Amino acid sequence: MSVKRLLRVGMGTLAGATVGLTGTLSARFLLGRARAERVWNESNYEPLSEMGSVRQLRVVPLIDWYADSPRLATEPGVSYMVEAGDTRILFDVGYNMNGEHPSPLLRNMELLGLSLDQFDMVFISHAHCDHLGGMSHQMEGTFDLSAEPVDLKGMPAYVPQPLANPTANMTLVEGPMILAPGVSSIGPIPRQLFFFGWTPEQSLAVNVDGKGIVLIVGCGHSTLQRIVQRAEELFDIPVYGVIGGLHYPVVASREDMWGLPAQQIFGTGKWPWDPINRQDVTRAVGFLRARRPKLVSLSAHDSCDWSLNTFRRAFGKAYQDLLVGREILVA
């Protein structure tokens, strides 16, 4: 067979495989999207009326895209220290995209004067690499804080889908759950992503005395609208604030994958040829403004600067920049 004939056969095989893969992913996406809608429509949870409240909430970003000081490491991942009353939570464990030990998370914790023995629990928002400690953890269904194992000494870890860690005490969260006085998970809200598949994501809700509910979000794949609606179903007090990622990479991605804008293509619940756009952000801003929140702080790890500026302009004095090492205080 001639070289030209071999090339034509090879190209035809590749094109056929690409079409087949696209068809498989499309079918999975349609089925998963219908399943997510069904789960959402059939969810009927009792209000968390016994959650209680805290006098003060303090959130310190430990990993994110921008930092308050050049000494602190940044990356397209998330980890926050959430101090709600007497409870201290490690919310997600960052990306560690270069596989370092000690990881950017551990280095930042040391610079900020934090140690693991000061935390009461780990809370994983969802099982993506930028929240679990790396792509290998996403592939294997695990999480860790660094490239070498970190002993969590039986610390409780609340996860929205089955995950493993050899030294944590794992609890699978299947619905809204009170975690500590004034603190709860609103329960996983699933969404089907075209490439990453079925993605249940949970957010934290903290009830601050005299203020209301503050929602702390990992990526917001389940959409801002559904997260807030779930909170409104669970609590008879208003949403005071929203802190964290909402996944609005409209004009740029913080991360490339095979030369492609990863967050615009791979991390969205829309068709890859119909990415998140300005109208999606405008609708979300309008939805949230109708609730008149007193605090909005959008993570840059999965939202572009255009989206950050749109939220900043829309919420004015209620908006706070989310920067590694800068405290967000509600009291």
Protein backbone atom coordinates (compact mmCIF):
# COMPACT_ATOMS: atom_id res chain seq x y z
CA MET A 1 0.00 0.00 0.00
CA SER A 2 1.37 3.42 -0.95
CA VAL A 3 2.20 6.09 1.61
CA LYS A 4 -0.65 8.28 0.31
CA ARG A 5 -3.08 5.41 0.64
CA LEU A 6 -1.88 4.74 4.21
CA LEU A 7 -2.35 8.40 5.09
CA ARG A 8 -5.87 8.45 3.65
CA VAL A 9 -6.79 5.30 5.60
CA GLY A 10 -5.27 6.72 8.78
CA MET A 11 -7.08 10.03 8.45
CA GLY A 12 -10.34 8.26 7.74
CA THR A 13 -9.90 6.06 10.82
CA LEU A 14 -9.12 9.08 13.00
CA ALA A 15 -12.13 11.00 11.67
CA GLY A 16 -14.38 8.02 12.30
CA ALA A 17 -13.07 7.62 15.85
CA THR A 18 -13.60 11.33 16.52
CA VAL A 19 -17.16 11.21 15.26
CA GLY A 20 -17.83 8.09 17.32
CA LEU A 21 -16.41 9.63 20.49
CA THR A 22 -18.38 12.84 19.98
CA GLY A 23 -21.55 10.83 19.52
CA THR A 24 -20.90 8.82 22.68
CA LEU A 25 -20.18 11.92 24.73
CA SER A 26 -23.24 13.68 23.31
CA ALA A 27 -25.51 10.78 24.20
CA ARG A 28 -24.05 10.62 27.71
CA PHE A 29 -24.46 14.36 28.08
CA LEU A 30 -28.12 14.31 27.07
CA LEU A 31 -28.94 11.39 29.35
CA GLY A 32 -27.01 12.90 32.27
CA ARG A 33 -28.58 16.29 31.81
CA ALA A 34 -32.06 14.75 31.89
CA ARG A 35 -31.07 12.78 35.00
CA ALA A 36 -29.80 15.92 36.75
CA GLU A 37 -33.07 17.71 35.97
CA ARG A 38 -35.03 14.79 37.36
CA VAL A 39 -32.95 14.69 40.55
CA TRP A 40 -33.40 18.45 41.01
CA ASN A 41 -37.15 18.37 40.39
CA GLU A 42 -37.67 15.42 42.72
CA SER A 43 -35.58 16.76 45.59
CA ASN A 44 -37.73 17.60 48.58
CA TYR A 45 -35.73 18.24 51.73
CA GLU A 46 -36.92 19.26 55.16
CA PRO A 47 -35.73 22.72 56.33
CA LEU A 48 -32.62 22.67 58.53
CA SER A 49 -34.40 24.52 61.31
CA GLU A 50 -32.15 23.11 64.06
CA MET A 51 -28.84 24.25 62.56
CA GLY A 52 -28.32 27.14 64.98
CA SER A 53 -26.02 30.05 64.28
CA VAL A 54 -22.56 31.50 64.88
CA ARG A 55 -21.55 34.95 66.03
CA GLN A 56 -18.78 35.32 63.47
CA LEU A 57 -17.60 33.85 60.18
CA ARG A 58 -14.05 34.20 58.96
CA VAL A 59 -12.90 32.93 55.56
CA VAL A 60 -9.24 33.01 54.54
CA PRO A 61 -8.43 31.82 51.00
CA LEU A 62 -5.45 29.46 51.11
CA ILE A 63 -5.31 28.65 47.40
CA ASP A 64 -6.74 30.66 44.52
CA TRP A 65 -5.63 32.55 41.41
CA TYR A 66 -4.78 35.92 42.98
CA ALA A 67 -3.01 36.62 46.27
CA ASP A 68 -2.80 39.47 48.74
CA SER A 69 1.00 39.13 48.89
CA PRO A 70 3.65 37.98 46.39
CA ARG A 71 4.99 35.63 49.07
CA LEU A 72 1.87 33.47 48.77
CA ALA A 73 1.55 30.83 46.05
CA THR A 74 -1.32 30.97 43.55
CA GLU A 75 -2.77 28.49 41.07
CA PRO A 76 -6.10 27.66 39.37
CA GLY A 77 -7.38 25.72 42.36
CA VAL A 78 -9.31 26.30 45.57
CA SER A 79 -8.77 25.88 49.27
CA TYR A 80 -10.23 28.04 52.03
CA MET A 81 -9.97 28.16 55.77
CA VAL A 82 -13.53 28.59 57.02
CA GLU A 83 -13.83 29.53 60.68
CA ALA A 84 -17.47 29.49 61.75
CA GLY A 85 -17.76 30.17 65.45
CA ASP A 86 -15.67 27.50 67.17
CA THR A 87 -15.47 25.27 64.08
CA ARG A 88 -12.57 25.45 61.67
CA ILE A 89 -13.02 23.80 58.26
CA LEU A 90 -10.54 23.08 55.48
CA PHE A 91 -12.71 23.69 52.41
CA ASP A 92 -11.13 21.82 49.46
CA VAL A 93 -7.40 21.13 49.18
CA GLY A 94 -6.22 22.99 46.08
CA TYR A 95 -4.73 21.73 42.83
CA ASN A 96 -0.97 21.23 43.32
CA MET A 97 -0.78 21.12 39.53
CA ASN A 98 3.01 20.65 39.53
CA GLY A 99 2.93 17.76 42.00
CA GLU A 100 5.05 19.51 44.64
CA HIS A 101 5.85 18.59 48.22
CA PRO A 102 5.28 20.58 50.24
CA SER A 103 2.39 21.70 48.07
CA PRO A 104 1.40 25.35 47.51
CA LEU A 105 -1.38 24.75 50.04
CA LEU A 106 0.98 23.56 52.78
CA ARG A 107 3.44 26.37 52.05
CA ASN A 108 0.72 29.01 52.23
CA MET A 109 -0.65 27.53 55.43
CA GLU A 110 2.78 27.79 57.03
CA LEU A 111 3.20 31.41 55.91
CA LEU A 112 -0.25 32.21 57.34
CA GLY A 113 0.51 30.53 60.67
CA LEU A 114 -1.92 27.64 60.18
CA SER A 115 -1.41 23.96 60.94
CA LEU A 116 -3.59 20.93 60.30
CA ASP A 117 -4.17 20.28 63.98
CA GLN A 118 -6.11 23.57 64.10
CA PHE A 119 -8.82 22.20 61.77
CA ASP A 120 -11.87 20.21 62.80
CA MET A 121 -12.88 18.80 59.43
CA VAL A 122 -12.26 18.69 55.68
CA PHE A 123 -15.07 19.61 53.30
CA ILE A 124 -14.72 18.65 49.63
CA SER A 125 -17.06 20.57 47.34
CA HIS A 126 -16.71 18.26 44.34
CA ALA A 127 -14.35 15.71 42.85
CA HIS A 128 -12.34 17.74 40.34
CA CYS A 129 -8.56 17.97 40.23
CA ASP A 130 -8.37 21.63 41.27
CA HIS A 131 -10.17 20.82 44.53
CA LEU A 132 -8.74 17.35 45.30
CA GLY A 133 -5.00 18.04 45.03
CA GLY A 134 -4.30 17.05 41.43
CA MET A 135 -5.46 15.21 38.31
CA SER A 136 -4.26 11.83 39.59
CA HIS A 137 -6.63 12.20 42.55
CA GLN A 138 -9.54 12.99 40.23
CA MET A 139 -8.73 9.90 38.16
CA GLU A 140 -8.35 7.65 41.21
CA GLY A 141 -11.18 9.03 43.34
CA THR A 142 -8.93 10.23 46.16
CA PHE A 143 -7.73 13.49 47.68
CA ASP A 144 -4.62 14.68 49.49
CA LEU A 145 -2.99 17.93 50.54
CA SER A 146 0.41 17.38 48.96
CA ALA A 147 2.40 15.15 46.60
CA GLU A 148 3.44 13.02 49.56
CA PRO A 149 0.81 11.63 51.95
CA VAL A 150 -0.33 13.97 54.73
CA ASP A 151 -1.60 12.31 57.90
CA LEU A 152 -5.06 13.68 58.71
CA LYS A 153 -5.19 11.58 61.90
CA GLY A 154 -8.81 10.53 61.52
CA MET A 155 -10.11 14.03 60.79
CA PRO A 156 -13.72 13.94 59.49
CA ALA A 157 -13.96 14.54 55.75
CA TYR A 158 -17.35 15.29 54.18
CA VAL A 159 -17.51 14.40 50.48
CA PRO A 160 -20.30 14.62 47.85
CA GLN A 161 -19.41 11.32 46.17
CA PRO A 162 -17.31 8.31 47.21
CA LEU A 163 -13.69 9.37 47.68
CA ALA A 164 -10.77 7.79 49.51
CA ASN A 165 -8.08 9.09 51.84
CA PRO A 166 -6.09 6.67 54.00
CA THR A 167 -6.05 8.81 57.14
CA ALA A 168 -9.35 10.73 57.04
CA ASN A 169 -12.67 9.58 58.47
CA MET A 170 -14.87 9.76 55.38
CA THR A 171 -18.55 10.68 55.41
CA LEU A 172 -20.58 10.61 52.19
CA VAL A 173 -23.01 13.54 52.08
CA GLU A 174 -26.15 12.53 50.21
CA GLY A 175 -28.42 15.42 51.19
CA PRO A 176 -28.47 18.56 53.34
CA MET A 177 -26.60 17.87 56.57
CA ILE A 178 -25.78 19.86 59.70
CA LEU A 179 -22.02 19.65 60.27
CA ALA A 180 -21.58 21.83 63.35
CA PRO A 181 -23.55 24.55 65.17
CA GLY A 182 -24.49 27.12 62.55
CA VAL A 183 -22.84 25.18 59.72
CA SER A 184 -24.29 22.80 57.15
CA SER A 185 -23.85 21.30 53.74
CA ILE A 186 -26.74 22.21 51.46
CA GLY A 187 -26.33 18.74 49.96
CA PRO A 188 -24.95 17.77 46.55
CA ILE A 189 -26.62 19.32 43.52
CA PRO A 190 -25.64 17.32 40.43
CA ARG A 191 -24.92 18.58 36.96
CA GLN A 192 -23.82 16.71 33.87
CA LEU A 193 -20.68 18.16 32.28
CA PHE A 194 -19.95 17.29 28.67
CA PHE A 195 -16.42 15.97 29.21
CA PHE A 196 -16.16 15.43 32.98
CA GLY A 197 -19.53 13.72 33.27
CA TRP A 198 -21.74 13.46 36.34
CA THR A 199 -20.67 16.10 38.87
CA PRO A 200 -22.41 16.38 42.24
CA GLU A 201 -21.29 19.53 44.05
CA GLN A 202 -22.04 20.61 47.60
CA SER A 203 -21.65 24.06 49.16
CA LEU A 204 -21.34 25.21 52.74
CA ALA A 205 -24.01 27.33 54.42
CA VAL A 206 -23.15 29.30 57.55
CA ASN A 207 -25.82 31.12 59.57
CA VAL A 208 -24.32 34.26 61.10
CA ASP A 209 -26.26 35.92 63.94
CA GLY A 210 -28.15 39.00 62.79
CA LYS A 211 -26.90 38.64 59.19
CA GLY A 212 -28.23 35.50 57.52
CA ILE A 213 -26.87 32.65 55.43
CA VAL A 214 -23.43 32.92 53.87
CA LEU A 215 -22.84 30.40 51.08
CA ILE A 216 -19.31 29.17 50.40
CA VAL A 217 -18.98 27.60 46.96
CA GLY A 218 -16.25 25.59 45.25
CA CYS A 219 -16.88 25.95 41.51
CA GLY A 220 -20.61 26.53 41.16
CA HIS A 221 -21.02 23.91 38.43
CA SER A 222 -24.56 23.37 39.69
CA THR A 223 -25.20 27.08 38.90
CA LEU A 224 -25.54 30.04 41.23
CA GLN A 225 -29.29 29.98 40.76
CA ARG A 226 -29.75 26.43 42.02
CA ILE A 227 -27.34 26.88 44.92
CA VAL A 228 -29.25 29.93 46.15
CA GLN A 229 -32.62 28.29 45.53
CA ARG A 230 -31.56 25.26 47.57
CA ALA A 231 -30.50 27.55 50.42
CA GLU A 232 -33.83 29.36 50.27
CA GLU A 233 -35.64 26.02 50.53
CA LEU A 234 -33.59 24.93 53.55
CA PHE A 235 -33.56 28.15 55.59
CA ASP A 236 -36.20 30.67 56.58
CA ILE A 237 -33.64 33.47 56.72
CA PRO A 238 -32.19 35.38 53.75
CA VAL A 239 -28.95 34.73 51.93
CA TYR A 240 -26.55 37.36 53.25
CA GLY A 241 -23.59 36.54 51.03
CA VAL A 242 -21.92 34.29 48.47
CA ILE A 243 -18.20 33.52 48.54
CA GLY A 244 -16.26 31.37 46.08
CA GLY A 245 -16.21 29.98 42.57
CA LEU A 246 -19.13 30.29 40.16
CA HIS A 247 -17.44 29.16 36.92
CA TYR A 248 -17.74 32.10 34.56
CA PRO A 249 -14.71 31.81 32.22
CA VAL A 250 -16.33 33.98 29.54
CA VAL A 251 -13.37 35.50 27.69
CA ALA A 252 -10.45 33.41 29.03
CA SER A 253 -9.49 30.31 31.01
CA ARG A 254 -7.00 30.22 33.86
CA GLU A 255 -5.76 26.84 32.65
CA ASP A 256 -4.96 25.28 29.28
CA MET A 257 -5.37 21.61 28.45
CA TRP A 258 -3.73 20.35 25.23
CA GLY A 259 -3.52 23.97 24.12
CA LEU A 260 -7.26 24.51 24.64
CA PRO A 261 -8.98 26.84 27.14
CA ALA A 262 -9.82 24.13 29.65
CA GLN A 263 -12.39 25.89 31.80
CA GLN A 264 -14.30 27.29 28.84
CA ILE A 265 -14.56 23.87 27.16
CA PHE A 266 -14.12 21.06 29.67
CA GLY A 267 -15.65 22.34 32.89
CA THR A 268 -19.02 23.57 31.68
CA GLY A 269 -22.49 22.10 31.79
CA LYS A 270 -23.18 23.42 28.28
CA TRP A 271 -22.25 22.02 24.89
CA PRO A 272 -18.53 22.66 24.20
CA TRP A 273 -19.41 24.62 21.05
CA ASP A 274 -21.79 26.81 23.08
CA PRO A 275 -19.58 28.05 25.95
CA ILE A 276 -20.61 30.22 28.88
CA ASN A 277 -21.20 33.75 27.65
CA ARG A 278 -21.84 37.29 28.83
CA GLN A 279 -25.60 36.73 28.91
CA ASP A 280 -25.15 33.83 31.35
CA VAL A 281 -23.23 36.12 33.68
CA THR A 282 -25.74 38.95 33.28
CA ARG A 283 -28.62 36.63 34.15
CA ALA A 284 -26.79 35.32 37.23
CA VAL A 285 -25.98 38.85 38.40
CA GLY A 286 -29.61 39.89 38.00
CA PHE A 287 -30.80 36.83 39.89
CA LEU A 288 -28.44 37.54 42.78
CA ARG A 289 -29.10 41.29 42.88
CA ALA A 290 -32.79 40.55 43.39
CA ARG A 291 -31.77 38.97 46.74
CA ARG A 292 -29.84 42.13 47.77
CA PRO A 293 -26.84 40.34 49.26
CA LYS A 294 -24.55 42.27 51.56
CA LEU A 295 -21.45 40.28 50.59
CA VAL A 296 -20.30 38.91 47.23
CA SER A 297 -16.78 37.60 46.66
CA LEU A 298 -16.08 35.78 43.40
CA SER A 299 -13.15 33.38 43.04
CA ALA A 300 -10.86 34.05 40.09
CA HIS A 301 -9.73 30.43 39.82
CA ASP A 302 -12.54 29.55 37.39
CA SER A 303 -13.87 32.98 36.34
CA CYS A 304 -12.16 35.44 34.01
CA ASP A 305 -11.36 39.04 34.87
CA TRP A 306 -14.31 40.26 32.75
CA SER A 307 -16.68 38.29 34.99
CA LEU A 308 -14.97 39.49 38.17
CA ASN A 309 -15.29 43.10 37.02
CA THR A 310 -18.95 42.57 36.08
CA PHE A 311 -19.73 41.31 39.59
CA ARG A 312 -17.62 44.06 41.14
CA ARG A 313 -19.52 46.78 39.30
CA ALA A 314 -22.92 45.20 39.95
CA PHE A 315 -22.52 44.83 43.72
CA GLY A 316 -20.43 47.88 44.54
CA LYS A 317 -19.60 48.14 48.24
CA ALA A 318 -20.98 44.65 48.87
CA TYR A 319 -18.24 43.16 46.68
CA GLN A 320 -14.94 41.98 48.20
CA ASP A 321 -11.96 40.75 46.23
CA LEU A 322 -11.10 37.13 46.98
CA LEU A 323 -7.32 36.94 47.46
CA VAL A 324 -5.12 34.28 49.02
CA GLY A 325 -4.27 35.40 52.54
CA ARG A 326 -6.88 38.18 52.77
CA GLU A 327 -9.52 37.62 55.44
CA ILE A 328 -13.23 37.91 54.65
CA LEU A 329 -15.05 38.62 57.91
CA VAL A 330 -18.76 38.51 58.68
CA ALA A 331 -19.63 39.48 62.24
